[in-house]
């Protein structure tokens, strides 16, 4: 006849491992969202910079429309003032 004694140490280590994995996954998700947002901001900055330089060379209405969509500015005068910072 065998007599086995189960200990609680295995349950604690399994629950700790599960908790650690869950925490790690949440941290990775938060970091990936943060990186995605920062890359979006960087790409928007370079897109505005490119469109402003393009506007300084070629003053077409399509360039004004593109910059108006990106920068949320409506008047051409404000777009010009906004682009002066990028085209120096």
Protein backbone atom coordinates (compact mmCIF):
# COMPACT_ATOMS: atom_id res chain seq x y z
CA UNK A 1 0.00 0.00 0.00
CA UNK A 2 1.34 3.41 -1.05
CA UNK A 3 0.91 6.52 0.94
CA UNK A 4 1.30 9.83 -0.98
CA UNK A 5 1.38 13.25 0.47
CA UNK A 6 0.61 16.18 -1.84
CA UNK A 7 2.13 19.51 -1.03
CA UNK A 8 0.81 22.95 -1.83
CA UNK A 9 4.14 24.21 -3.24
CA UNK A 10 3.26 23.12 -6.76
CA UNK A 11 0.02 25.09 -6.72
CA UNK A 12 1.78 28.24 -5.54
CA UNK A 13 4.46 27.99 -8.22
CA UNK A 14 1.88 27.37 -10.95
CA UNK A 15 -0.26 30.30 -9.87
CA UNK A 16 2.80 32.53 -9.64
CA UNK A 17 3.88 31.49 -13.15
CA UNK A 18 0.37 32.18 -14.49
CA UNK A 19 0.29 35.58 -12.81
CA UNK A 20 3.76 36.43 -14.14
CA UNK A 21 2.81 35.42 -17.71
CA UNK A 22 -0.36 37.50 -17.55
CA UNK A 23 1.54 40.51 -16.27
CA UNK A 24 4.20 40.10 -18.96
CA UNK A 25 1.59 39.89 -21.74
CA UNK A 26 -0.15 43.04 -20.48
CA UNK A 27 3.16 44.92 -20.34
CA UNK A 28 4.05 43.83 -23.88
CA UNK A 29 0.65 44.96 -25.17
CA UNK A 30 1.06 48.38 -23.53
CA UNK A 31 4.57 48.77 -24.94
CA UNK A 32 3.46 47.81 -28.45
CA UNK A 33 0.57 50.33 -28.33
CA UNK A 34 2.97 53.02 -27.14
CA UNK A 35 5.43 52.26 -29.94
CA UNK A 36 2.61 52.30 -32.47
CA UNK A 37 1.40 55.70 -31.31
CA UNK A 38 4.89 57.18 -31.38
CA UNK A 39 5.55 55.82 -34.86
CA UNK A 40 2.27 57.36 -35.99
CA UNK A 41 3.31 60.74 -34.61
CA UNK A 42 6.73 60.50 -36.25
CA UNK A 43 5.28 59.54 -39.62
CA UNK A 44 2.75 62.40 -39.41
CA UNK A 45 5.58 64.85 -38.68
CA UNK A 46 7.61 63.70 -41.68
CA UNK A 47 4.53 63.68 -43.89
CA UNK A 48 3.77 67.30 -42.93
CA UNK A 49 7.40 68.25 -43.48
CA UNK A 50 7.41 66.63 -46.94
CA UNK A 51 4.10 68.24 -47.95
CA UNK A 52 5.27 71.66 -46.78
CA UNK A 53 8.46 71.40 -48.81
CA UNK A 54 6.44 70.23 -51.78
CA UNK A 55 4.08 73.17 -51.31
CA UNK A 56 6.98 75.63 -51.26
CA UNK A 57 8.05 74.34 -54.68
CA UNK A 58 4.68 73.69 -56.27
CA UNK A 59 1.73 75.73 -55.06
CA UNK A 60 -1.11 73.50 -56.23
CA UNK A 61 -4.55 73.13 -54.68
CA UNK A 62 -4.03 69.41 -54.13
CA UNK A 63 -1.05 70.17 -51.88
CA UNK A 64 -3.17 72.63 -49.90
CA UNK A 65 -5.93 70.04 -49.57
CA UNK A 66 -3.50 67.36 -48.37
CA UNK A 67 -1.99 69.68 -45.79
CA UNK A 68 -5.43 70.82 -44.73
CA UNK A 69 -6.41 67.21 -44.02
CA UNK A 70 -3.23 66.44 -42.12
CA UNK A 71 -2.92 69.63 -40.08
CA UNK A 72 -6.66 70.36 -39.67
CA UNK A 73 -6.12 73.94 -40.84
CA UNK A 74 -8.64 75.40 -43.27
CA UNK A 75 -7.29 78.68 -44.63
CA UNK A 76 -4.36 78.97 -46.99
CA UNK A 77 -2.84 81.74 -44.90
CA UNK A 78 -2.72 79.55 -41.79
CA UNK A 79 -1.25 76.68 -43.79
CA UNK A 80 1.51 79.00 -45.06
CA UNK A 81 2.26 80.18 -41.52
CA UNK A 82 2.29 76.59 -40.33
CA UNK A 83 4.67 75.53 -43.11
CA UNK A 84 7.15 78.33 -42.43
CA UNK A 85 8.41 76.36 -39.44
CA UNK A 86 9.23 73.34 -41.59
CA UNK A 87 10.72 75.12 -44.61
CA UNK A 88 13.62 77.07 -43.18
